[in-house]
Amino acid sequence: MSLVIVAAWFFWGVAGGTIVTTISSAICLIICAVTGNGVYMREVLLFAGIAIFCHVLLEKERKVRRRAETRLERIQGSKNTLQLAYSKHRLAGKSLQTRINRYLMLREVAQILASSLDFEKTAALIVRKTLEVMGKRGFCLLYLTDVEGQKLALKASWESKIKSKTGDEFDDWVLKRGQVLLVENVEKDFRFGVSDAAKERRVGSLISAPLISGERIIGILRVDSEELNTFLTDDLRLLSILATLAAVSIENAQLYCRTEELAITDGLTGLYVHRYFQERLGEELERAMRSNSFLSFLMIDIDHFKDYNDRYGHSVGDIVLKKVSKVLKEKAGDGAIVARYGGEEFAVVLPRTEKKAAIKIAEIIRKAIADEAVTVRRKKTNITVSAGVAAFPVDAMIKGDIIRKADEALLRAKTEGRNRVCAA
């Protein structure tokens, strides 16, 4: 019986041990009462002693277990805290590595843009490198403003099939405010009504930043995505840095282009200078030889320009030169190279043009200039020109000869009465 009680205490705990002990003691007490023999009282006391001993052991076991559980909970809590801290540090490490990679790419982009002075190449580089640095799937657009800074025109794009070349309501917002823009959901942003252009391009979210030079906005750099909530504040901050780099590189490229233009164009007329004309004529002649094509050359001179200049003054003479230059650029046609040869003489190179067609163009120019009136002292005056035409390969094969042939034809036009076209 004692073994049963001990087993009950250890296997069924306090409740089981108490029940078995109580039942066993009750049985012994009943037997003592019935038989009148007190021998079983010893058993009752033994059972009670065993029960007390088991209870003490179980209490100690419970205390030890509770301490172990408490310690285990503390260890588990510390483990969870360490795991959370590890996850945070890991995410922070990844974020830091991403930023480091981005800034390394930014440095590379800055170096590439600083070395690019070709305006078209610079614009293409900006949109391509912007998407690379952002590390996002989407479309990149570069808009530049006009001289007044009021209108936008698309200069370059990457991964985009955009049809609109003037920007939309998002670009106008950035242009007017000169601030960066983040739109997480194009359709639900209360600031904008979605345009047909945005719907057509399936824009879901976008970021945009102005290109600022001094106090003037010279353009907008924008990245679109078809997905919603693609961009974060860090992306907008990065785009702002890229926009600053882009503004500097575009200004450098534009300044270089202007410097180059000043070096090859005449300050008064805007036509190419004599030196550049000579280079281009040589290049076009070589191209015509290689491709077995035609080339024509016009030498044009303003009739009686010295007398006109002496009578009305040099300021009026400058006006005449400008008007003649304007007509030449308009009437010579696409691909023509128009230059101020010297003084009142002009030269026109017509690549891929036969002699008959060149004579017709010279006649169109002559008539247009003759119809051009110049008002001097409230009186309208007219000017005329004479022109000489020479062609490759029918008249000459080398640069010096074709210039000489055209000049001879020009002299013949002068001799025959001026205001006419003569061909070699």
Protein backbone atom coordinates (compact mmCIF):
# COMPACT_ATOMS: atom_id res chain seq x y z
CA MET A 1 0.00 0.00 0.00
CA SER A 2 2.86 2.35 0.83
CA LEU A 3 4.33 1.81 -2.64
CA VAL A 4 0.94 2.63 -4.18
CA ILE A 5 0.79 5.90 -2.25
CA VAL A 6 4.34 6.87 -3.22
CA ALA A 7 3.61 6.05 -6.88
CA ALA A 8 0.37 8.06 -6.75
CA TRP A 9 2.21 11.11 -5.37
CA PHE A 10 4.96 10.95 -7.96
CA PHE A 11 2.90 10.02 -11.02
CA TRP A 12 -0.37 11.84 -10.34
CA GLY A 13 0.92 14.74 -8.31
CA VAL A 14 -0.65 16.32 -5.22
CA ALA A 15 -4.23 15.60 -6.19
CA GLY A 16 -3.61 11.91 -7.01
CA GLY A 17 -1.37 11.31 -3.98
CA THR A 18 -3.86 13.01 -1.61
CA ILE A 19 -6.80 10.98 -2.92
CA VAL A 20 -4.93 7.65 -2.66
CA THR A 21 -3.55 8.55 0.80
CA THR A 22 -6.99 9.63 2.03
CA ILE A 23 -8.64 6.46 0.74
CA SER A 24 -5.91 4.26 2.22
CA SER A 25 -6.11 6.03 5.61
CA ALA A 26 -9.91 5.81 5.58
CA ILE A 27 -9.75 2.08 4.90
CA CYS A 28 -7.33 1.56 7.80
CA LEU A 29 -9.48 3.69 10.11
CA ILE A 30 -12.61 1.70 9.16
CA ILE A 31 -10.80 -1.58 9.77
CA CYS A 32 -9.60 -0.30 13.19
CA ALA A 33 -13.14 0.78 14.09
CA VAL A 34 -14.72 -2.51 12.98
CA THR A 35 -12.18 -4.87 14.47
CA GLY A 36 -11.33 -2.77 17.49
CA ASN A 37 -7.68 -3.47 16.77
CA GLY A 38 -5.38 -0.41 16.86
CA VAL A 39 -2.63 -2.04 14.88
CA TYR A 40 -3.77 -0.31 11.69
CA MET A 41 -3.34 3.10 13.30
CA ARG A 42 0.34 2.64 12.74
CA GLU A 43 -0.39 2.24 9.05
CA VAL A 44 -2.44 5.43 9.07
CA LEU A 45 0.43 7.36 10.63
CA LEU A 46 2.88 5.78 8.19
CA PHE A 47 0.66 6.82 5.27
CA ALA A 48 0.45 10.35 6.66
CA GLY A 49 4.25 10.49 7.05
CA ILE A 50 4.76 9.22 3.53
CA ALA A 51 2.25 11.79 2.22
CA ILE A 52 4.01 14.65 4.02
CA PHE A 53 7.39 13.44 2.72
CA CYS A 54 6.08 13.22 -0.85
CA HIS A 55 4.45 16.62 -0.57
CA VAL A 56 7.74 18.21 0.55
CA LEU A 57 9.59 16.54 -2.31
CA LEU A 58 7.02 17.67 -4.86
CA GLU A 59 7.09 21.25 -3.56
CA LYS A 60 10.85 21.33 -3.94
CA GLU A 61 10.52 19.89 -7.42
CA ARG A 62 7.95 22.57 -8.32
CA LYS A 63 10.18 25.34 -7.00
CA VAL A 64 13.12 24.02 -8.96
CA ARG A 65 10.93 23.72 -12.08
CA ARG A 66 9.55 27.25 -11.63
CA ARG A 67 13.06 28.65 -11.27
CA ALA A 68 14.13 26.71 -14.35
CA GLU A 69 11.11 27.96 -16.32
CA THR A 70 11.72 31.52 -15.19
CA ARG A 71 15.36 31.27 -16.19
CA LEU A 72 14.38 29.68 -19.50
CA GLU A 73 11.91 32.51 -20.15
CA ARG A 74 14.66 35.07 -19.43
CA ILE A 75 17.02 33.22 -21.77
CA GLN A 76 14.30 33.04 -24.46
CA GLY A 77 13.58 36.76 -23.99
CA SER A 78 17.26 37.58 -24.31
CA LYS A 79 17.44 35.37 -27.39
CA ASN A 80 14.46 37.15 -28.96
CA THR A 81 15.98 40.52 -28.13
CA LEU A 82 19.30 39.49 -29.66
CA GLN A 83 17.58 38.11 -32.75
CA LEU A 84 15.61 41.35 -33.16
CA ALA A 85 18.75 43.43 -32.69
CA TYR A 86 20.56 41.19 -35.19
CA SER A 87 17.77 41.63 -37.73
CA LYS A 88 17.82 45.41 -37.24
CA HIS A 89 21.60 45.54 -37.59
CA ARG A 90 21.42 43.30 -40.64
CA LEU A 91 18.82 45.54 -42.27
CA ALA A 92 20.84 48.62 -41.30
CA GLY A 93 23.93 46.97 -42.79
CA LYS A 94 22.11 46.23 -46.03
CA SER A 95 20.74 49.77 -46.14
CA LEU A 96 24.20 51.19 -45.47
CA GLN A 97 25.71 48.97 -48.18
CA THR A 98 23.01 50.11 -50.61
CA ARG A 99 23.77 53.73 -49.81
CA ILE A 100 27.50 53.18 -50.18
CA ASN A 101 26.93 51.51 -53.56
CA ARG A 102 24.68 54.35 -54.65
CA TYR A 103 27.18 57.01 -53.62
CA LEU A 104 29.97 55.13 -55.38
CA MET A 105 27.79 55.08 -58.49
CA LEU A 106 27.06 58.78 -57.98
CA ARG A 107 30.78 59.51 -57.92
CA GLU A 108 31.21 57.52 -61.12
CA VAL A 109 28.29 59.36 -62.75
CA ALA A 110 29.75 62.71 -61.68
CA GLN A 111 33.09 61.81 -63.26
CA ILE A 112 31.45 60.61 -66.49
CA LEU A 113 29.24 63.69 -66.81
CA ALA A 114 32.13 66.02 -66.02
CA SER A 115 34.10 64.56 -68.93
CA SER A 116 31.20 64.78 -71.41
CA LEU A 117 30.90 68.05 -73.33
CA ASP A 118 28.73 66.80 -76.18
CA PHE A 119 25.25 68.11 -75.41
CA GLU A 120 23.28 65.26 -76.98
CA LYS A 121 25.48 62.58 -75.40
CA THR A 122 25.28 64.31 -72.02
CA ALA A 123 21.46 64.29 -72.09
CA ALA A 124 21.38 60.59 -73.03
CA LEU A 125 23.92 59.76 -70.30
CA ILE A 126 21.87 61.54 -67.64
CA VAL A 127 18.67 59.52 -68.20
CA ARG A 128 20.50 56.21 -68.56
CA LYS A 129 22.71 56.65 -65.48
CA THR A 130 19.80 57.95 -63.39
CA LEU A 131 17.93 54.66 -63.75
CA GLU A 132 21.10 52.69 -63.04
CA VAL A 133 21.79 54.58 -59.82
CA MET A 134 18.15 54.46 -58.68
CA GLY A 135 18.10 50.68 -59.10
CA LYS A 136 14.40 50.81 -59.94
CA ARG A 137 12.43 49.50 -62.86
CA GLY A 138 10.81 52.37 -64.70
CA PHE A 139 11.25 55.18 -67.20
CA CYS A 140 13.50 58.22 -66.97
CA LEU A 141 12.70 61.52 -68.68
CA LEU A 142 14.75 64.69 -69.09
CA TYR A 143 12.94 67.92 -69.97
CA LEU A 144 14.65 71.24 -70.68
CA THR A 145 13.05 74.67 -70.57
CA ASP A 146 12.98 77.29 -73.32
CA VAL A 147 14.87 80.59 -73.10
CA GLU A 148 12.11 82.19 -71.02
CA GLY A 149 11.96 79.16 -68.73
CA GLN A 150 8.18 78.86 -69.20
CA LYS A 151 7.82 75.79 -71.42
CA LEU A 152 9.27 72.29 -71.27
CA ALA A 153 10.53 70.18 -74.15
CA LEU A 154 11.56 66.53 -73.90
CA LYS A 155 15.30 66.28 -74.52
CA ALA A 156 16.05 62.64 -73.69
CA SER A 157 14.30 59.54 -72.34
CA TRP A 158 15.28 56.02 -71.33
CA GLU A 159 13.08 52.90 -71.45
CA SER A 160 10.12 55.14 -72.34
CA LYS A 161 7.75 55.21 -75.32
CA ILE A 162 6.46 58.66 -74.49
CA LYS A 163 4.61 60.54 -77.21
CA SER A 164 4.04 63.85 -75.43
CA LYS A 165 7.09 66.09 -75.85
CA THR A 166 6.00 69.00 -73.66
CA GLY A 167 5.41 67.46 -70.22
CA ASP A 168 2.21 67.01 -68.21
CA GLU A 169 0.61 68.36 -65.03
CA PHE A 170 3.28 66.77 -62.81
CA ASP A 171 6.08 68.48 -64.75
CA ASP A 172 4.23 71.82 -64.68
CA TRP A 173 3.89 71.49 -60.89
CA VAL A 174 7.66 71.02 -60.46
CA LEU A 175 8.45 73.79 -62.96
CA LYS A 176 6.20 76.36 -61.27
CA ARG A 177 7.23 75.56 -57.68
CA GLY A 178 10.86 74.56 -58.20
CA GLN A 179 10.40 71.72 -55.69
CA VAL A 180 10.91 67.96 -55.74
CA LEU A 181 7.81 65.81 -56.16
CA LEU A 182 6.92 62.32 -54.91
CA VAL A 183 3.63 60.76 -56.04
CA GLU A 184 2.96 57.31 -54.57
CA ASN A 185 -0.33 56.76 -56.38
CA VAL A 186 -1.03 58.85 -59.46
CA GLU A 187 -4.77 58.15 -59.49
CA LYS A 188 -5.37 58.96 -55.82
CA ASP A 189 -3.15 62.01 -55.33
CA PHE A 190 -5.58 64.87 -54.62
CA ARG A 191 -3.17 67.47 -56.03
CA PHE A 192 -3.52 66.27 -59.60
CA GLY A 193 -6.13 65.25 -62.13
CA VAL A 194 -4.65 62.41 -64.16
CA SER A 195 -4.03 63.46 -67.76
CA ASP A 196 -4.56 61.32 -70.84
CA ALA A 197 -0.79 61.25 -71.35
CA ALA A 198 -0.23 59.72 -67.89
CA LYS A 199 -2.98 57.16 -68.47
CA GLU A 200 -1.57 56.26 -71.87
CA ARG A 201 1.89 55.68 -70.37
CA ARG A 202 0.36 53.74 -67.45
CA VAL A 203 2.15 55.74 -64.78
CA GLY A 204 1.47 54.36 -61.30
CA SER A 205 3.96 56.38 -59.22
CA LEU A 206 6.72 58.88 -59.93
CA ILE A 207 9.44 61.13 -58.54
CA SER A 208 10.63 64.36 -60.13
CA ALA A 209 13.24 67.02 -59.36
CA PRO A 210 14.00 70.42 -60.95
CA LEU A 211 17.33 71.17 -62.61
CA ILE A 212 18.35 74.47 -61.07
CA SER A 213 21.09 76.79 -62.30
CA GLY A 214 21.53 79.78 -60.04
CA GLU A 215 17.99 81.04 -59.56
CA ARG A 216 16.70 79.65 -62.85
CA ILE A 217 15.07 76.28 -63.54
CA ILE A 218 16.61 74.89 -66.72
CA GLY A 219 14.81 71.54 -66.77
CA ILE A 220 13.27 68.60 -64.95
CA LEU A 221 14.58 65.09 -64.25
CA ARG A 222 11.81 62.55 -63.68
CA VAL A 223 11.48 58.81 -63.05
CA ASP A 224 8.16 56.99 -63.62
CA SER A 225 7.00 53.51 -62.64
CA GLU A 226 3.96 51.52 -63.69
CA GLU A 227 3.71 50.11 -60.14
CA LEU A 228 2.21 51.93 -57.13
CA ASN A 229 4.33 53.01 -54.13
CA THR A 230 7.59 52.28 -55.96
CA PHE A 231 9.59 55.19 -54.59
CA LEU A 232 10.69 56.22 -51.10
CA THR A 233 11.92 59.50 -49.62
CA ASP A 234 15.52 58.26 -50.01
CA ASP A 235 14.89 57.79 -53.74
CA LEU A 236 13.66 61.36 -54.01
CA ARG A 237 16.73 62.62 -52.13
CA LEU A 238 18.97 60.66 -54.49
CA LEU A 239 17.15 62.02 -57.55
CA SER A 240 17.66 65.55 -56.22
CA ILE A 241 21.43 64.93 -56.07
CA LEU A 242 21.37 63.52 -59.61
CA ALA A 243 19.40 66.57 -60.77
CA THR A 244 22.09 68.86 -59.33
CA LEU A 245 24.80 66.91 -61.18
CA ALA A 246 22.69 66.95 -64.34
CA ALA A 247 22.16 70.71 -64.17
CA VAL A 248 25.91 71.35 -63.91
CA SER A 249 26.78 68.95 -66.74
CA ILE A 250 24.08 70.37 -69.03
CA GLU A 251 25.29 73.90 -68.38
CA ASN A 252 28.86 72.85 -69.16
CA ALA A 253 27.77 71.13 -72.38
CA GLN A 254 25.67 74.13 -73.44
CA LEU A 255 28.52 76.51 -72.67
CA TYR A 256 30.90 74.35 -74.68
CA CYS A 257 28.44 74.31 -77.60
CA ARG A 258 28.09 78.08 -77.48
CA THR A 259 31.87 78.49 -77.35
CA GLU A 260 32.23 76.14 -80.30
CA GLU A 261 29.56 78.03 -82.23
CA LEU A 262 31.28 81.33 -81.54
CA ALA A 263 34.49 79.87 -82.90
CA ILE A 264 32.91 78.78 -86.19
CA THR A 265 30.17 81.37 -86.76
CA ASP A 266 30.27 85.01 -87.74
CA GLY A 267 29.13 87.30 -84.94
CA LEU A 268 27.12 89.64 -87.21
CA THR A 269 25.36 87.26 -89.60
CA GLY A 270 25.33 84.00 -87.65
CA LEU A 271 26.73 82.20 -90.68
CA TYR A 272 29.80 79.98 -90.65
CA VAL A 273 33.15 81.74 -90.85
CA HIS A 274 35.53 81.37 -93.79
CA ARG A 275 37.87 78.93 -92.02
CA TYR A 276 35.10 76.52 -91.06
CA PHE A 277 33.59 76.76 -94.54
CA GLN A 278 36.91 75.69 -96.07
CA GLU A 279 37.07 72.65 -93.76
CA ARG A 280 33.50 71.61 -94.52
CA LEU A 281 33.86 72.06 -98.27
CA GLY A 282 36.90 69.75 -98.22
CA GLU A 283 35.02 67.16 -96.13
CA GLU A 284 31.95 67.24 -98.39
CA LEU A 285 34.08 66.89 -101.53
CA GLU A 286 35.78 63.81 -100.07
CA ARG A 287 32.39 62.36 -99.16
CA ALA A 288 31.08 63.03 -102.67
CA MET A 289 34.12 61.25 -104.14
CA ARG A 290 33.67 58.21 -101.88
CA SER A 291 29.94 57.90 -102.51
CA ASN A 292 30.14 58.89 -106.21
CA SER A 293 27.55 61.63 -105.63
CA PHE A 294 27.14 65.26 -106.71
CA LEU A 295 28.08 68.52 -104.97
CA SER A 296 27.45 72.12 -105.99
CA PHE A 297 28.95 75.36 -104.82
CA LEU A 298 27.53 78.91 -104.94
CA MET A 299 29.54 82.12 -104.64
CA ILE A 300 27.25 85.10 -103.95
CA ASP A 301 28.08 88.82 -103.78
CA ILE A 302 25.89 91.82 -102.87
CA ASP A 303 25.71 94.26 -105.79
CA HIS A 304 27.06 97.78 -105.20
CA PHE A 305 27.36 97.10 -101.48
CA LYS A 306 30.25 99.57 -101.01
CA ASP A 307 28.21 102.43 -102.51
CA TYR A 308 25.19 101.41 -100.42
CA ASN A 309 27.34 101.32 -97.30
CA ASP A 310 28.93 104.70 -98.03
CA ARG A 311 25.56 106.33 -98.76
CA TYR A 312 23.60 105.03 -95.74
CA GLY A 313 26.30 104.17 -93.24
CA HIS A 314 27.75 101.01 -91.77
CA SER A 315 24.81 100.38 -89.44
CA VAL A 316 22.47 100.09 -92.42
CA GLY A 317 25.10 97.95 -94.17
CA ASP A 318 25.01 95.59 -91.22
CA ILE A 319 21.23 95.35 -91.52
CA VAL A 320 21.60 94.43 -95.18
CA LEU A 321 24.14 91.72 -94.37
CA LYS A 322 21.80 90.26 -91.78
CA LYS A 323 18.84 90.24 -94.16
CA VAL A 324 20.86 88.56 -96.91
CA SER A 325 22.12 85.98 -94.41
CA LYS A 326 18.56 85.27 -93.25
CA VAL A 327 17.38 84.66 -96.80
CA LEU A 328 20.37 82.43 -97.54
CA LYS A 329 19.67 80.22 -94.51
CA GLU A 330 15.97 79.98 -95.36
CA LYS A 331 16.28 79.31 -99.10
CA ALA A 332 19.46 77.23 -99.37
CA GLY A 333 17.63 74.16 -98.05
CA ASP A 334 18.30 71.50 -95.44
CA GLY A 335 21.84 70.21 -95.37
CA ALA A 336 23.28 73.32 -97.02
CA ILE A 337 26.42 74.88 -95.54
CA VAL A 338 26.11 78.66 -95.65
CA ALA A 339 29.12 80.84 -94.81
CA ARG A 340 30.24 84.44 -94.92
CA TYR A 341 33.14 84.22 -97.33
CA GLY A 342 34.40 87.73 -96.58
CA GLY A 343 33.01 91.29 -96.59
CA GLU A 344 29.81 91.18 -98.65
CA GLU A 345 30.57 87.80 -100.23
CA PHE A 346 28.85 84.56 -99.22
CA ALA A 347 29.48 80.89 -100.01
CA VAL A 348 26.95 78.06 -100.10
CA VAL A 349 27.87 74.36 -100.26
CA LEU A 350 25.06 72.10 -101.52
CA PRO A 351 25.88 68.41 -100.85
CA ARG A 352 24.23 65.78 -103.07
CA THR A 353 22.96 68.49 -105.43
CA GLU A 354 23.36 68.46 -109.20
CA LYS A 355 24.32 71.58 -111.14
CA LYS A 356 20.84 72.22 -112.60
CA ALA A 357 19.23 72.02 -109.17
CA ALA A 358 21.93 74.32 -107.75
CA ILE A 359 21.22 76.94 -110.45
CA LYS A 360 17.52 76.85 -109.54
CA ILE A 361 18.35 77.31 -105.84
CA ALA A 362 20.63 80.24 -106.73
CA GLU A 363 17.78 81.84 -108.71
CA ILE A 364 15.37 81.37 -105.79
CA ILE A 365 17.88 83.07 -103.48
CA ARG A 366 18.49 85.93 -105.94
CA LYS A 367 14.76 86.65 -106.37
CA ALA A 368 14.06 86.41 -102.62
CA ILE A 369 16.80 88.95 -101.84
CA ALA A 370 15.63 91.28 -104.63
CA ASP A 371 12.13 91.24 -103.06
CA GLU A 372 13.51 91.93 -99.59
CA ALA A 373 13.04 95.62 -98.77
CA VAL A 374 15.23 97.61 -96.38
CA THR A 375 13.70 100.75 -94.88
CA VAL A 376 16.20 103.57 -94.61
CA ARG A 377 15.13 107.05 -93.45
CA ARG A 378 11.49 106.09 -93.92
CA LYS A 379 12.17 105.02 -97.50
CA LYS A 380 12.17 101.46 -98.79
CA THR A 381 15.28 100.41 -100.63
CA ASN A 382 16.11 97.15 -102.35
CA ILE A 383 19.30 95.23 -102.77
CA THR A 384 20.38 92.63 -105.32
CA VAL A 385 23.00 89.93 -105.51
CA SER A 386 24.98 88.17 -108.20
CA ALA A 387 25.83 84.49 -108.02
CA GLY A 388 28.28 82.05 -109.58
CA VAL A 389 27.66 78.28 -109.66
CA ALA A 390 30.18 75.45 -110.00
CA ALA A 391 29.65 71.72 -109.49
CA PHE A 392 31.53 68.52 -108.73
CA PRO A 393 32.47 66.54 -110.75
CA VAL A 394 31.40 68.31 -113.99
CA ASP A 395 33.36 71.55 -113.42
CA ALA A 396 36.13 70.63 -110.98
CA MET A 397 37.44 67.76 -108.87
CA ILE A 398 39.37 69.58 -106.12
CA LYS A 399 38.46 72.28 -103.62
CA GLY A 400 40.62 75.08 -105.04
CA ASP A 401 39.34 74.54 -108.58
CA ILE A 402 35.67 74.48 -107.64
CA ILE A 403 36.04 77.76 -105.69
CA ARG A 404 37.90 79.33 -108.63
CA LYS A 405 35.26 78.19 -111.14
CA ALA A 406 32.43 79.61 -109.03
CA ASP A 407 34.32 82.87 -108.54
CA GLU A 408 34.87 83.17 -112.30
CA ALA A 409 31.15 82.60 -112.88
CA LEU A 410 30.37 85.28 -110.27
CA LEU A 411 32.66 87.77 -112.04
CA ARG A 412 30.87 87.03 -115.30
CA ALA A 413 27.51 87.73 -113.63
CA LYS A 414 28.88 91.07 -112.40
CA THR A 415 30.22 91.93 -115.85
CA GLU A 416 26.95 91.03 -117.58
CA GLY A 417 24.95 93.50 -115.49
CA ARG A 418 24.63 92.06 -111.97
CA ASN A 419 21.46 90.71 -110.28
CA ARG A 420 21.84 87.43 -112.11
CA VAL A 421 23.14 83.84 -111.81
CA CYS A 422 25.92 82.47 -114.00
CA ALA A 423 27.21 78.91 -114.07
CA ALA A 424 30.71 77.66 -114.77
